[in-house]
N, C-alpha and C. Protein backbone atom coordinates (compact mmCIF):
# COMPACT_ATOMS: atom_id res chain seq x y z
N MET A 1 122.07 102.01 63.05
CA MET A 1 121.54 102.61 64.13
C MET A 1 122.76 103.51 64.89
N ASP A 2 123.58 103.89 63.86
CA ASP A 2 124.72 104.78 64.44
C ASP A 2 124.19 106.15 65.00
N PHE A 3 122.96 106.26 64.26
CA PHE A 3 122.54 107.65 64.86
C PHE A 3 122.00 107.76 66.29
N LEU A 4 121.91 106.52 66.96
CA LEU A 4 121.59 106.43 68.52
C LEU A 4 122.69 106.21 69.43
N TYR A 5 123.87 105.82 68.58
CA TYR A 5 125.18 105.98 69.68
C TYR A 5 125.19 106.83 70.56
N GLY A 6 125.51 106.38 71.68
CA GLY A 6 125.35 107.26 73.15
C GLY A 6 124.19 107.76 73.86
N PHE A 7 123.08 107.16 72.98
CA PHE A 7 121.98 107.38 73.62
C PHE A 7 121.30 106.16 74.69
N ASP A 8 121.06 106.57 75.75
CA ASP A 8 120.84 105.49 76.78
C ASP A 8 119.38 105.94 77.49
N PRO A 9 118.33 105.19 76.80
CA PRO A 9 117.00 105.58 77.52
C PRO A 9 117.11 105.58 78.90
N GLY A 10 117.59 104.48 79.61
CA GLY A 10 117.44 104.30 80.81
C GLY A 10 117.95 105.56 81.77
N ALA A 11 119.27 105.90 81.23
CA ALA A 11 120.18 107.09 81.58
C ALA A 11 119.16 108.36 81.53
N GLU A 12 118.52 108.68 80.49
CA GLU A 12 117.85 109.97 80.15
C GLU A 12 116.57 110.01 81.32
N ALA A 13 115.66 108.86 81.24
CA ALA A 13 114.78 108.74 82.11
C ALA A 13 115.26 108.86 83.60
N GLY A 14 116.38 108.44 84.09
CA GLY A 14 116.77 108.42 85.22
C GLY A 14 117.24 109.92 85.58
N LEU A 15 118.01 110.57 84.55
CA LEU A 15 118.29 111.99 84.92
C LEU A 15 116.83 112.88 85.19
N GLY A 16 115.92 112.59 84.55
CA GLY A 16 114.56 113.52 84.71
C GLY A 16 113.98 112.99 85.92
N ALA A 17 114.18 111.97 86.45
CA ALA A 17 113.51 111.34 87.63
C ALA A 17 114.82 111.92 88.91
N VAL A 18 115.78 111.96 88.73
CA VAL A 18 116.63 112.74 89.76
C VAL A 18 116.10 114.30 89.88
N PHE A 19 115.98 114.80 88.60
CA PHE A 19 115.72 116.45 88.90
C PHE A 19 114.24 116.39 89.49
N VAL A 20 113.28 115.85 88.95
CA VAL A 20 112.03 115.79 89.82
C VAL A 20 111.80 115.34 91.12
N LEU A 21 112.72 114.44 91.62
CA LEU A 21 112.40 113.95 93.04
C LEU A 21 113.51 115.05 93.86
N SER A 22 114.52 115.44 93.33
CA SER A 22 115.13 116.49 93.95
C SER A 22 114.43 117.77 94.10
N PHE A 23 113.59 118.06 93.14
CA PHE A 23 112.74 119.08 93.34
C PHE A 23 112.03 119.05 94.50
N LEU A 24 111.10 117.93 94.62
CA LEU A 24 110.03 117.39 95.47
C LEU A 24 110.76 117.33 96.82
N ALA A 25 111.84 116.95 96.96
CA ALA A 25 112.53 116.63 98.23
C ALA A 25 112.75 117.87 98.86
N ALA A 26 113.02 118.93 98.19
CA ALA A 26 113.18 120.36 98.80
C ALA A 26 112.08 121.02 99.16
N THR A 27 110.90 120.51 98.77
CA THR A 27 109.82 121.23 99.05
C THR A 27 109.11 120.69 100.43
N LEU A 28 108.06 121.10 100.76
CA LEU A 28 107.47 120.75 102.05
C LEU A 28 107.02 119.25 102.08
N LEU A 29 106.90 118.52 100.90
CA LEU A 29 106.98 117.24 100.77
C LEU A 29 107.97 116.40 101.27
N PRO A 30 107.57 115.26 101.76
CA PRO A 30 108.71 114.32 102.19
C PRO A 30 109.27 113.66 101.07
N GLY A 31 110.41 113.43 101.05
CA GLY A 31 111.18 112.57 100.08
C GLY A 31 112.63 112.44 100.44
N GLY A 32 113.32 111.76 99.77
CA GLY A 32 114.70 111.20 99.96
C GLY A 32 115.36 111.30 98.85
N SER A 33 115.98 112.38 98.05
CA SER A 33 116.31 112.32 97.08
C SER A 33 118.05 111.68 96.91
N GLU A 34 118.31 111.66 97.97
CA GLU A 34 119.98 111.08 98.18
C GLU A 34 119.74 109.59 97.74
N VAL A 35 118.81 108.91 97.90
CA VAL A 35 118.77 107.74 97.86
C VAL A 35 118.41 107.27 95.88
N VAL A 36 117.84 108.16 95.52
CA VAL A 36 117.55 108.34 94.11
C VAL A 36 118.73 108.67 93.47
N PHE A 37 119.55 109.63 93.85
CA PHE A 37 120.61 110.14 93.01
C PHE A 37 122.00 109.16 93.51
N ALA A 38 121.96 108.39 94.55
CA ALA A 38 123.12 107.53 94.66
C ALA A 38 122.81 106.24 93.95
N GLY A 39 121.42 105.76 93.67
CA GLY A 39 121.15 104.94 93.00
C GLY A 39 121.56 104.93 91.59
N PHE A 40 121.17 106.28 90.85
CA PHE A 40 121.56 106.44 89.56
C PHE A 40 123.08 106.71 89.04
N VAL A 41 123.60 107.33 90.13
CA VAL A 41 124.99 107.46 89.97
C VAL A 41 125.87 105.87 90.22
N ALA A 42 125.31 104.87 90.80
CA ALA A 42 125.80 103.68 90.90
C ALA A 42 125.49 102.85 89.54
N LEU A 43 124.17 103.20 88.84
CA LEU A 43 124.08 102.33 87.95
C LEU A 43 124.52 103.03 86.39
N HIS A 44 124.81 104.35 86.58
CA HIS A 44 125.03 105.24 85.34
C HIS A 44 126.33 105.98 85.82
N PRO A 45 127.41 105.38 86.17
CA PRO A 45 128.75 106.37 86.48
C PRO A 45 129.06 107.37 85.66
N GLY A 46 128.90 107.08 84.07
CA GLY A 46 129.13 107.94 83.15
C GLY A 46 128.41 109.37 83.28
N GLN A 47 127.20 109.17 84.03
CA GLN A 47 126.17 110.39 83.82
C GLN A 47 126.52 111.15 85.35
N GLY A 48 127.50 110.97 86.05
CA GLY A 48 127.53 111.43 87.44
C GLY A 48 127.45 112.97 87.44
N LEU A 49 128.31 113.72 86.60
CA LEU A 49 128.00 115.23 86.58
C LEU A 49 126.81 115.80 86.29
N ALA A 50 126.14 115.10 85.31
CA ALA A 50 124.77 115.63 84.79
C ALA A 50 123.97 115.32 85.63
N ALA A 51 124.17 114.35 86.51
CA ALA A 51 123.14 113.80 87.75
C ALA A 51 123.18 115.16 88.78
N LEU A 52 124.72 115.22 89.02
CA LEU A 52 124.96 116.17 89.89
C LEU A 52 124.22 117.64 89.88
N ALA A 53 124.51 118.25 88.64
CA ALA A 53 124.05 119.37 87.81
C ALA A 53 122.22 119.41 87.97
N LEU A 54 121.75 118.32 87.68
CA LEU A 54 120.30 118.32 87.71
C LEU A 54 119.67 118.33 89.02
N ALA A 55 120.35 117.37 89.95
CA ALA A 55 119.98 117.15 91.53
C ALA A 55 120.30 118.60 92.13
N THR A 56 121.07 119.05 91.98
CA THR A 56 121.56 120.51 92.55
C THR A 56 120.36 121.64 92.20
N LEU A 57 120.25 121.73 90.83
CA LEU A 57 119.26 122.67 90.20
C LEU A 57 117.83 122.49 90.58
N GLY A 58 117.43 121.08 90.66
CA GLY A 58 116.30 120.84 91.25
C GLY A 58 115.88 121.01 92.68
N ASN A 59 116.88 120.57 93.43
CA ASN A 59 117.03 120.83 94.68
C ASN A 59 116.87 122.33 95.16
N THR A 60 117.62 123.03 94.77
CA THR A 60 117.81 124.37 94.81
C THR A 60 116.34 125.31 94.27
N LEU A 61 115.77 124.77 93.26
CA LEU A 61 114.43 125.19 92.83
C LEU A 61 113.22 124.73 93.81
N GLY A 62 113.34 123.64 94.37
CA GLY A 62 112.43 123.13 95.38
C GLY A 62 112.83 124.28 96.49
N GLY A 63 113.84 124.47 97.08
CA GLY A 63 114.03 125.28 98.10
C GLY A 63 113.60 126.67 97.90
N MET A 64 113.77 126.96 96.42
CA MET A 64 113.13 128.39 96.34
C MET A 64 111.69 128.61 96.34
N SER A 65 111.15 127.45 95.87
CA SER A 65 109.58 127.49 96.04
C SER A 65 109.14 127.56 97.31
N THR A 66 110.21 126.92 98.53
CA THR A 66 109.54 127.06 99.82
C THR A 66 109.93 128.56 100.32
N TYR A 67 111.02 128.80 99.86
CA TYR A 67 111.19 130.52 99.57
C TYR A 67 110.14 131.31 99.50
N ALA A 68 109.74 131.10 98.28
CA ALA A 68 108.53 131.86 98.11
C ALA A 68 107.35 131.63 98.80
N LEU A 69 106.97 130.62 99.27
CA LEU A 69 105.89 130.47 100.40
C LEU A 69 106.02 131.04 101.28
N GLY A 70 107.34 131.12 102.02
CA GLY A 70 107.55 132.24 103.03
C GLY A 70 107.44 133.73 102.89
N ARG A 71 107.78 133.95 101.79
CA ARG A 71 107.65 135.38 101.34
C ARG A 71 106.23 135.64 101.16
N LEU A 72 105.51 134.90 100.86
CA LEU A 72 103.75 135.08 100.64
C LEU A 72 103.13 134.95 101.97
N ALA A 73 103.88 134.42 103.08
CA ALA A 73 103.20 134.43 104.39
C ALA A 73 102.91 135.39 105.12
N ARG A 74 101.98 135.49 105.84
CA ARG A 74 101.42 136.71 106.43
C ARG A 74 102.88 137.20 107.75
N ARG A 75 102.83 138.33 108.11
CA ARG A 75 104.23 138.50 108.97
C ARG A 75 103.64 139.01 110.36
N ALA A 76 102.52 138.18 110.69
CA ALA A 76 102.00 138.40 111.96
C ALA A 76 102.98 137.56 112.95
N VAL A 77 103.30 136.39 112.82
CA VAL A 77 104.18 135.45 114.00
C VAL A 77 105.27 135.14 113.21
N PRO A 78 106.55 135.27 113.59
CA PRO A 78 107.73 134.66 113.05
C PRO A 78 108.04 133.36 112.83
N PRO A 79 108.46 132.81 111.87
CA PRO A 79 108.47 131.34 111.62
C PRO A 79 109.57 130.85 112.50
N PRO A 80 109.47 129.53 112.81
CA PRO A 80 110.99 128.97 113.60
C PRO A 80 112.07 129.42 113.06
N ARG A 81 113.27 129.64 113.60
CA ARG A 81 114.61 129.63 113.15
C ARG A 81 114.72 131.14 112.48
N ALA A 82 113.74 132.20 112.59
CA ALA A 82 113.81 133.47 112.15
C ALA A 82 114.97 134.35 112.55
N ALA A 83 114.74 134.30 114.12
CA ALA A 83 116.07 135.34 114.69
C ALA A 83 117.39 134.76 114.35
N TRP A 84 117.59 133.46 114.54
CA TRP A 84 118.67 132.74 114.04
C TRP A 84 119.30 133.23 112.65
N LEU A 85 118.12 133.16 111.75
CA LEU A 85 118.52 133.30 110.08
C LEU A 85 118.72 134.92 110.06
N ALA A 86 117.86 135.70 110.76
CA ALA A 86 118.16 137.22 110.49
C ALA A 86 119.30 137.36 111.01
N ARG A 87 120.03 137.05 112.01
CA ARG A 87 121.43 137.10 112.41
C ARG A 87 122.61 136.75 111.42
N TYR A 88 122.50 135.54 110.74
CA TYR A 88 123.29 135.21 109.88
C TYR A 88 123.11 135.45 108.51
N GLY A 89 121.94 135.65 108.10
CA GLY A 89 121.55 136.17 106.76
C GLY A 89 121.78 134.85 105.77
N ALA A 90 121.82 135.41 104.42
CA ALA A 90 121.58 134.36 103.47
C ALA A 90 122.86 133.38 103.50
N PRO A 91 123.76 133.44 103.94
CA PRO A 91 124.92 132.68 103.92
C PRO A 91 124.47 131.18 105.00
N ALA A 92 123.66 131.57 105.57
CA ALA A 92 123.11 130.40 106.55
C ALA A 92 122.26 129.23 105.84
N LEU A 93 121.99 129.81 104.60
CA LEU A 93 121.24 128.74 103.81
C LEU A 93 122.15 127.68 103.30
N LEU A 94 123.41 127.97 103.85
CA LEU A 94 124.50 126.68 103.28
C LEU A 94 123.90 125.57 103.93
N LEU A 95 123.03 125.55 104.91
CA LEU A 95 122.38 124.43 105.57
C LEU A 95 121.09 124.02 105.34
N ALA A 96 120.59 124.65 104.13
CA ALA A 96 119.20 124.21 103.68
C ALA A 96 119.04 123.02 103.25
N TRP A 97 120.14 122.25 103.00
CA TRP A 97 119.89 120.82 102.78
C TRP A 97 119.83 119.82 103.86
N LEU A 98 120.08 120.32 105.01
CA LEU A 98 119.64 119.54 106.44
C LEU A 98 118.13 119.00 106.49
N PRO A 99 118.00 117.71 106.69
CA PRO A 99 116.74 117.14 106.82
C PRO A 99 116.15 118.32 108.20
N LEU A 100 114.86 118.44 108.10
CA LEU A 100 114.06 118.93 108.93
C LEU A 100 114.26 120.57 109.31
N ILE A 101 115.34 121.04 109.27
CA ILE A 101 115.53 122.21 109.48
C ILE A 101 115.61 123.31 108.43
N GLY A 102 116.10 122.39 107.08
CA GLY A 102 116.42 123.01 105.81
C GLY A 102 115.21 123.72 105.30
N ASP A 103 113.98 123.29 105.33
CA ASP A 103 112.79 123.57 104.97
C ASP A 103 112.30 124.79 105.52
N ALA A 104 112.48 124.79 107.06
CA ALA A 104 112.14 125.94 107.98
C ALA A 104 113.14 127.23 107.41
N LEU A 105 114.37 126.77 107.36
CA LEU A 105 115.29 128.06 107.04
C LEU A 105 115.16 128.49 105.58
N CYS A 106 114.53 128.00 104.89
CA CYS A 106 114.31 128.51 103.36
C CYS A 106 112.79 129.11 103.53
N ALA A 107 112.03 128.63 104.27
CA ALA A 107 110.51 129.58 104.61
C ALA A 107 110.90 130.74 105.24
N ALA A 108 111.86 130.78 106.20
CA ALA A 108 112.20 131.74 107.10
C ALA A 108 112.89 132.79 106.22
N ALA A 109 113.52 132.62 105.39
CA ALA A 109 114.39 133.58 104.62
C ALA A 109 113.38 133.94 103.79
N GLY A 110 112.48 133.57 103.12
CA GLY A 110 111.45 134.18 102.61
C GLY A 110 110.50 135.07 103.18
N TRP A 111 110.40 134.69 104.48
CA TRP A 111 109.40 135.48 105.21
C TRP A 111 110.26 136.85 105.56
N LEU A 112 111.40 136.86 105.91
CA LEU A 112 112.34 137.77 106.01
C LEU A 112 112.79 138.58 105.03
N ARG A 113 112.46 138.14 103.84
CA ARG A 113 112.47 138.87 102.77
C ARG A 113 114.10 139.10 102.55
N LEU A 114 114.73 138.04 102.87
CA LEU A 114 116.39 138.11 102.49
C LEU A 114 116.34 137.99 100.77
N PRO A 115 117.34 138.40 100.31
CA PRO A 115 117.47 138.85 98.82
C PRO A 115 117.50 137.56 97.84
N ALA A 116 116.45 137.27 97.08
CA ALA A 116 116.43 136.04 96.55
C ALA A 116 117.59 135.50 95.82
N PRO A 117 118.34 136.39 95.03
CA PRO A 117 119.60 135.89 94.45
C PRO A 117 120.55 135.22 95.15
N ALA A 118 120.95 136.26 96.53
CA ALA A 118 121.96 135.40 97.34
C ALA A 118 121.39 134.28 98.02
N CYS A 119 120.10 134.09 98.33
CA CYS A 119 119.49 133.16 98.96
C CYS A 119 119.69 131.70 98.08
N ALA A 120 119.37 131.88 96.50
CA ALA A 120 119.55 130.84 95.84
C ALA A 120 120.85 130.45 95.70
N ALA A 121 121.67 131.34 95.71
CA ALA A 121 123.21 130.85 95.45
C ALA A 121 123.85 130.40 96.56
N TRP A 122 123.53 130.76 97.83
CA TRP A 122 124.03 129.90 98.95
C TRP A 122 123.35 128.44 99.16
N MET A 123 122.01 128.44 98.88
CA MET A 123 121.23 127.16 98.76
C MET A 123 121.94 126.25 97.62
N ALA A 124 122.26 126.90 96.72
CA ALA A 124 122.87 125.85 95.34
C ALA A 124 124.24 125.46 96.04
N LEU A 125 124.85 126.25 96.55
CA LEU A 125 126.30 125.91 97.29
C LEU A 125 126.08 124.73 98.21
N GLY A 126 125.34 124.85 99.16
CA GLY A 126 125.22 123.82 100.18
C GLY A 126 124.50 122.52 99.52
N LYS A 127 123.67 122.56 98.86
CA LYS A 127 123.02 121.38 98.05
C LYS A 127 123.77 121.06 97.28
N GLY A 128 124.83 121.62 96.41
CA GLY A 128 125.48 120.97 95.58
C GLY A 128 126.87 120.28 96.10
N ALA A 129 127.23 120.75 97.52
CA ALA A 129 128.34 120.23 97.99
C ALA A 129 127.65 118.88 98.32
N ARG A 130 126.63 118.74 98.94
CA ARG A 130 126.03 117.53 99.47
C ARG A 130 126.16 116.35 98.43
N TYR A 131 125.55 116.74 97.36
CA TYR A 131 125.15 115.69 96.09
C TYR A 131 126.95 115.68 95.65
N ALA A 132 127.77 116.33 95.76
CA ALA A 132 128.99 116.28 95.00
C ALA A 132 129.70 115.09 96.01
N ALA A 133 129.42 115.23 97.51
CA ALA A 133 130.09 114.26 98.47
C ALA A 133 129.34 112.98 98.08
N LEU A 134 128.15 112.96 97.77
CA LEU A 134 127.36 111.68 97.53
C LEU A 134 128.05 110.89 96.10
N LEU A 135 128.34 111.68 95.32
CA LEU A 135 128.95 111.46 93.83
C LEU A 135 130.19 110.73 94.01
N TYR A 136 131.02 111.52 94.76
CA TYR A 136 132.23 110.90 95.00
C TYR A 136 132.13 109.52 95.91
N ALA A 137 131.41 109.38 96.85
CA ALA A 137 130.84 108.11 97.45
C ALA A 137 130.48 107.01 96.57
N PHE A 138 129.77 107.38 95.70
CA PHE A 138 128.73 106.27 95.19
C PHE A 138 129.36 106.07 93.67
N SER A 139 130.43 107.08 93.13
CA SER A 139 130.95 106.64 92.00
C SER A 139 132.24 105.98 91.68
N GLY A 140 132.55 105.30 93.24
CA GLY A 140 134.06 104.92 93.30
C GLY A 140 135.05 105.66 93.50
N GLY A 141 135.02 106.98 93.93
CA GLY A 141 135.92 108.19 94.12
C GLY A 141 136.68 107.79 95.05
């Protein structure tokens, strides 16, 4: 069974769960990806960087799906936080990881038609920093 060396089915399935739950937690659906991420890192410390990358990617893609919904919304009434976001632009999406206001910021960014690449980059930076802090805390850093 030497060909299976290094294969850990629990870790592989867990990484998929980290990605999916991180994506869903960044949409309008409620969820706490931090708990799943922290638990996975505690159980599989050798997979921390992979979990960090997948959680950041999933959470950023989830945030961008909310951005897309905002972009599709009718322009009749400005969403909450639109004036604040218009003032600060895409860098304000560093805060997209925050509970409650993060989804509103992502939707408002789409509604304001802020540039998608800049929004994705700032979102990924903020969300990645949050998961990096969790990785440090739960991997015995």
